[in-house]
C-alpha atoms as a PDB file:
ATOM      1  CA  MET A   1     -30.648  14.326 -64.194  1.00  0.00           C
ATOM      2  CA  ASN A   2     -27.598  16.150 -65.455  1.00  0.00           C
ATOM      3  CA  LYS A   3     -27.079  18.092 -62.245  1.00  0.00           C
ATOM      4  CA  SER A   4     -23.906  17.483 -60.317  1.00  0.00           C
ATOM      5  CA  LEU A   5     -24.352  16.238 -56.766  1.00  0.00           C
ATOM      6  CA  THR A   6     -21.934  18.796 -55.373  1.00  0.00           C
ATOM      7  CA  ARG A   7     -24.080  21.585 -56.870  1.00  0.00           C
ATOM      8  CA  SER A   8     -27.236  20.325 -55.162  1.00  0.00           C
ATOM      9  CA  ILE A   9     -28.550  22.345 -52.216  1.00  0.00           C
ATOM     10  CA  GLY A  10     -30.297  19.274 -50.813  1.00  0.00           C
ATOM     11  CA  PHE A  11     -27.057  17.301 -50.674  1.00  0.00           C
ATOM     12  CA  TRP A  12     -25.224  20.056 -48.815  1.00  0.00           C
ATOM     13  CA  LEU A  13     -28.134  20.568 -46.428  1.00  0.00           C
ATOM     14  CA  LEU A  14     -28.138  16.849 -45.675  1.00  0.00           C
ATOM     15  CA  LEU A  15     -24.416  16.820 -45.036  1.00  0.00           C
ATOM     16  CA  VAL A  16     -24.281  20.003 -42.913  1.00  0.00           C
ATOM     17  CA  LEU A  17     -27.357  19.175 -40.827  1.00  0.00           C
ATOM     18  CA  SER A  18     -26.141  15.615 -40.304  1.00  0.00           C
ATOM     19  CA  LEU A  19     -22.775  16.824 -39.084  1.00  0.00           C
ATOM     20  CA  ALA A  20     -24.459  19.386 -36.819  1.00  0.00           C
ATOM     21  CA  SER A  21     -26.805  16.746 -35.395  1.00  0.00           C
ATOM     22  CA  ALA A  22     -23.946  14.354 -34.745  1.00  0.00           C
ATOM     23  CA  GLY A  23     -21.930  17.128 -33.079  1.00  0.00           C
ATOM     24  CA  VAL A  24     -24.764  18.246 -30.793  1.00  0.00           C
ATOM     25  CA  GLY A  25     -25.587  14.646 -29.916  1.00  0.00           C
ATOM     26  CA  GLY A  26     -21.981  13.854 -29.064  1.00  0.00           C
ATOM     27  CA  TRP A  27     -21.702  17.027 -26.989  1.00  0.00           C
ATOM     28  CA  LEU A  28     -24.874  16.164 -25.017  1.00  0.00           C
ATOM     29  CA  ILE A  29     -23.712  12.613 -24.356  1.00  0.00           C
ATOM     30  CA  ALA A  30     -20.209  13.597 -23.295  1.00  0.00           C
ATOM     31  CA  GLY A  31     -21.399  16.386 -21.005  1.00  0.00           C
ATOM     32  CA  GLN A  32     -24.123  14.400 -19.254  1.00  0.00           C
ATOM     33  CA  VAL A  33     -22.141  11.185 -18.866  1.00  0.00           C
ATOM     34  CA  GLY A  34     -19.236  13.198 -17.441  1.00  0.00           C
ATOM     35  CA  THR A  35     -21.490  15.002 -14.978  1.00  0.00           C
ATOM     36  CA  MET A  36     -23.258  11.789 -13.917  1.00  0.00           C
ATOM     37  CA  THR A  37     -20.010   9.914 -13.483  1.00  0.00           C
ATOM     38  CA  SER A  38     -18.333  12.587 -11.368  1.00  0.00           C
ATOM     39  CA  THR A  39     -21.364  13.182  -9.113  1.00  0.00           C
ATOM     40  CA  LEU A  40     -22.067   9.479  -8.635  1.00  0.00           C
ATOM     41  CA  LEU A  41     -18.446   8.756  -7.722  1.00  0.00           C
ATOM     42  CA  ASP A  42     -18.343  11.730  -5.311  1.00  0.00           C
ATOM     43  CA  GLY A  43     -21.588  10.672  -3.682  1.00  0.00           C
ATOM     44  CA  THR A  44     -23.137  14.096  -4.314  1.00  0.00           C
ATOM     45  CA  ALA A  45     -25.516  13.041  -7.097  1.00  0.00           C
ATOM     46  CA  THR A  46     -29.085  14.267  -6.900  1.00  0.00           C
ATOM     47  CA  GLY A  47     -32.140  12.824  -8.599  1.00  0.00           C
ATOM     48  CA  ILE A  48     -32.167  15.647 -11.135  1.00  0.00           C
ATOM     49  CA  GLU A  49     -28.594  14.978 -12.221  1.00  0.00           C
ATOM     50  CA  VAL A  50     -29.147  11.252 -12.501  1.00  0.00           C
ATOM     51  CA  TYR A  51     -32.628  10.975 -13.993  1.00  0.00           C
ATOM     52  CA  VAL A  52     -32.575  14.094 -16.180  1.00  0.00           C
ATOM     53  CA  GLY A  53     -29.024  13.202 -17.189  1.00  0.00           C
ATOM     54  CA  GLN A  54     -30.194   9.791 -18.411  1.00  0.00           C
ATOM     55  CA  SER A  55     -32.936  11.392 -20.504  1.00  0.00           C
ATOM     56  CA  LEU A  56     -30.502  13.873 -22.025  1.00  0.00           C
ATOM     57  CA  VAL A  57     -28.109  11.035 -22.857  1.00  0.00           C
ATOM     58  CA  VAL A  58     -30.945   9.273 -24.707  1.00  0.00           C
ATOM     59  CA  VAL A  59     -31.774  12.467 -26.632  1.00  0.00           C
ATOM     60  CA  GLY A  60     -28.074  12.937 -27.429  1.00  0.00           C
ATOM     61  CA  ALA A  61     -27.817   9.348 -28.623  1.00  0.00           C
ATOM     62  CA  ALA A  62     -30.794   9.853 -30.940  1.00  0.00           C
ATOM     63  CA  LEU A  63     -29.237  13.021 -32.372  1.00  0.00           C
ATOM     64  CA  LEU A  64     -25.866  11.320 -32.754  1.00  0.00           C
ATOM     65  CA  GLY A  65     -27.456   8.336 -34.491  1.00  0.00           C
ATOM     66  CA  ALA A  66     -29.457  10.535 -36.851  1.00  0.00           C
ATOM     67  CA  GLY A  67     -26.333  12.499 -37.723  1.00  0.00           C
ATOM     68  CA  VAL A  68     -24.314   9.365 -38.416  1.00  0.00           C
ATOM     69  CA  ILE A  69     -27.106   7.963 -40.605  1.00  0.00           C
ATOM     70  CA  GLY A  70     -27.301  11.267 -42.508  1.00  0.00           C
ATOM     71  CA  VAL A  71     -23.551  11.296 -43.125  1.00  0.00           C
ATOM     72  CA  LEU A  72     -23.720   7.667 -44.322  1.00  0.00           C
ATOM     73  CA  ILE A  73     -26.563   8.578 -46.704  1.00  0.00           C
ATOM     74  CA  ALA A  74     -24.508  11.497 -48.071  1.00  0.00           C
ATOM     75  CA  VAL A  75     -21.516   9.204 -48.605  1.00  0.00           C
ATOM     76  CA  GLY A  76     -23.790   6.628 -50.261  1.00  0.00           C
ATOM     77  CA  LEU A  77     -25.247   9.258 -52.585  1.00  0.00           C
ATOM     78  CA  SER A  78     -21.738  10.309 -53.546  1.00  0.00           C
ATOM     79  CA  ALA A  79     -20.787   6.705 -54.282  1.00  0.00           C
ATOM     80  CA  VAL A  80     -23.891   6.131 -56.401  1.00  0.00           C
ATOM     81  CA  GLN A  81     -23.272   9.362 -58.321  1.00  0.00           C
ATOM     82  CA  ALA A  82     -19.694   8.242 -59.000  1.00  0.00           C
ATOM     83  CA  LEU A  83     -20.878   4.840 -60.268  1.00  0.00           C
ATOM     84  CA  LEU A  84     -23.538   6.208 -62.623  1.00  0.00           C
ATOM     85  CA  PRO A  85     -22.240   6.814 -66.130  1.00  0.00           C
ATOM     86  CA  SER A  86     -22.277  10.410 -67.260  1.00  0.00           C
ATOM     87  CA  PRO A  87     -24.246  11.074 -70.450  1.00  0.00           C
ATOM     88  CA  ALA A  88     -22.176  11.225 -73.601  1.00  0.00           C
ATOM     89  CA  PRO A  89     -21.920  14.672 -75.161  1.00  0.00           C
ATOM     90  CA  ALA A  90     -24.078  15.103 -78.244  1.00  0.00           C
ATOM     91  CA  VAL A  91     -22.154  15.412 -81.498  1.00  0.00           C
ATOM     92  CA  VAL A  92     -23.799  18.093 -83.585  1.00  0.00           C
ATOM     93  CA  GLY A  93     -21.665  17.908 -86.683  1.00  0.00           C
ATOM     94  CA  PRO A  94     -18.256  18.752 -88.056  1.00  0.00           C
ATOM     95  CA  ILE A  95     -17.101  22.343 -87.927  1.00  0.00           C
ATOM     96  CA  ASP A  96     -15.867  23.507 -91.325  1.00  0.00           C
ATOM     97  CA  GLY A  97     -14.420  26.806 -90.138  1.00  0.00           C
ATOM     98  CA  THR A  98     -16.222  29.067 -92.602  1.00  0.00           C
ATOM     99  CA  ASN A  99     -17.619  32.370 -91.514  1.00  0.00           C
ATOM    100  CA  GLU A 100     -21.361  31.875 -91.202  1.00  0.00           C
ATOM    101  CA  SER A 101     -22.038  35.364 -89.862  1.00  0.00           C
ATOM    102  CA  ALA A 102     -21.697  36.912 -93.359  1.00  0.00           C
ATOM    103  CA  GLU A 103     -24.316  34.507 -94.691  1.00  0.00           C
ATOM    104  CA  ALA A 104     -26.610  35.264 -91.763  1.00  0.00           C
ATOM    105  CA  ASP A 105     -26.352  39.013 -92.380  1.00  0.00           C
ATOM    106  CA  GLU A 106     -27.498  38.603 -95.990  1.00  0.00           C
ATOM    107  CA  ALA A 107     -30.657  36.696 -95.032  1.00  0.00           C
ATOM    108  CA  ASP A 108     -31.633  38.761 -91.986  1.00  0.00           C
ATOM    109  CA  PRO A 109     -35.429  38.543 -91.681  1.00  0.00           C
ATOM    110  CA  ILE A 110     -35.603  41.885 -89.874  1.00  0.00           C
ATOM    111  CA  ASP A 111     -34.208  43.745 -92.888  1.00  0.00           C
ATOM    112  CA  SER A 112     -36.606  42.132 -95.344  1.00  0.00           C
ATOM    113  CA  GLU A 113     -39.740  44.092 -96.081  1.00  0.00           C
ATOM    114  CA  ILE A 114     -43.143  42.520 -95.459  1.00  0.00           C
ATOM    115  CA  PRO A 115     -45.301  42.498 -98.599  1.00  0.00           C
ATOM    116  CA  ALA A 116     -48.420  44.616 -98.233  1.00  0.00           C
ATOM    117  CA  THR A 117     -51.893  43.310 -98.983  1.00  0.00           C
ATOM    118  CA  ALA A 118     -55.135  45.116 -99.762  1.00  0.00           C
ATOM    119  CA  ALA A 119     -56.323  44.574 -96.193  1.00  0.00           C
ATOM    120  CA  ASP A 120     -53.128  46.207 -94.927  1.00  0.00           C
ATOM    121  CA  ASP A 121     -53.756  49.238 -97.146  1.00  0.00           C
ATOM    122  CA  GLU A 122     -57.192  49.692 -95.593  1.00  0.00           C
ATOM    123  CA  LEU A 123     -55.676  49.426 -92.113  1.00  0.00           C
ATOM    124  CA  VAL A 124     -52.990  51.930 -93.045  1.00  0.00           C
ATOM    125  CA  GLY A 125     -55.577  54.468 -94.141  1.00  0.00           C
ATOM    126  CA  ASP A 126     -57.508  54.023 -90.906  1.00  0.00           C
ATOM    127  CA  ALA A 127     -54.334  54.116 -88.829  1.00  0.00           C
ATOM    128  CA  GLU A 128     -53.179  57.376 -90.425  1.00  0.00           C
ATOM    129  CA  GLN A 129     -56.490  58.984 -89.595  1.00  0.00           C
ATOM    130  CA  ASP A 130     -56.372  57.684 -86.014  1.00  0.00           C
ATOM    131  CA  GLN A 131     -52.820  58.968 -85.512  1.00  0.00           C
ATOM    132  CA  ASN A 132     -53.812  62.621 -85.315  1.00  0.00           C
ATOM    133  CA  GLY A 133     -52.664  63.966 -81.991  1.00  0.00           C
ATOM    134  CA  SER A 134     -51.267  60.642 -80.670  1.00  0.00           C
ATOM    135  CA  SER A 135     -47.692  59.868 -79.768  1.00  0.00           C
ATOM    136  CA  GLY A 136     -47.472  56.889 -82.149  1.00  0.00           C
ATOM    137  CA  SER A 137     -45.773  57.251 -85.474  1.00  0.00           C
ATOM    138  CA  THR A 138     -47.098  56.501 -88.959  1.00  0.00           C
ATOM    139  CA  ALA A 139     -44.141  54.159 -89.508  1.00  0.00           C
ATOM    140  CA  THR A 140     -45.258  51.985 -86.645  1.00  0.00           C
ATOM    141  CA  ALA A 141     -48.844  51.938 -87.827  1.00  0.00           C
ATOM    142  CA  THR A 142     -47.921  51.078 -91.430  1.00  0.00           C
ATOM    143  CA  LYS A 143     -45.275  48.417 -90.573  1.00  0.00           C
ATOM    144  CA  ILE A 144     -42.512  50.314 -92.369  1.00  0.00           C
ATOM    145  CA  SER A 145     -38.955  49.624 -91.284  1.00  0.00           C
ATOM    146  CA  VAL A 146     -37.396  52.946 -90.307  1.00  0.00           C
ATOM    147  CA  ARG A 147     -33.621  52.971 -90.201  1.00  0.00           C
END
């Protein structure tokens, strides 16, 4: 796996969703505990505020815990990626600095002509007869390089 961890969509999804889960969980806990505390101390607490508030605190705690675990996993993945050795670059060979493009132009396989065989000659004759009235050219049918 030569892919960098910071370029992985899965890593960023894990980190962002973990932070969002921890934030929502913390917000739920803080809001419900604050409401329960103030209404219980005032003596105006109802059953809905107390019992539903406890359930929402449990849900918030689960979200907060999942977010913290996700952030810890992301940090652990980063640490493992940092500890793994990166693969050594492959050495292809020494560069001599000569211009290889001139040599490549001389031996261009596109410019070389394909030797014709007897079977090709028969196909050419048939192709020329079939070309009457079509949009194809004789050069295409006979494999001739037109430049």
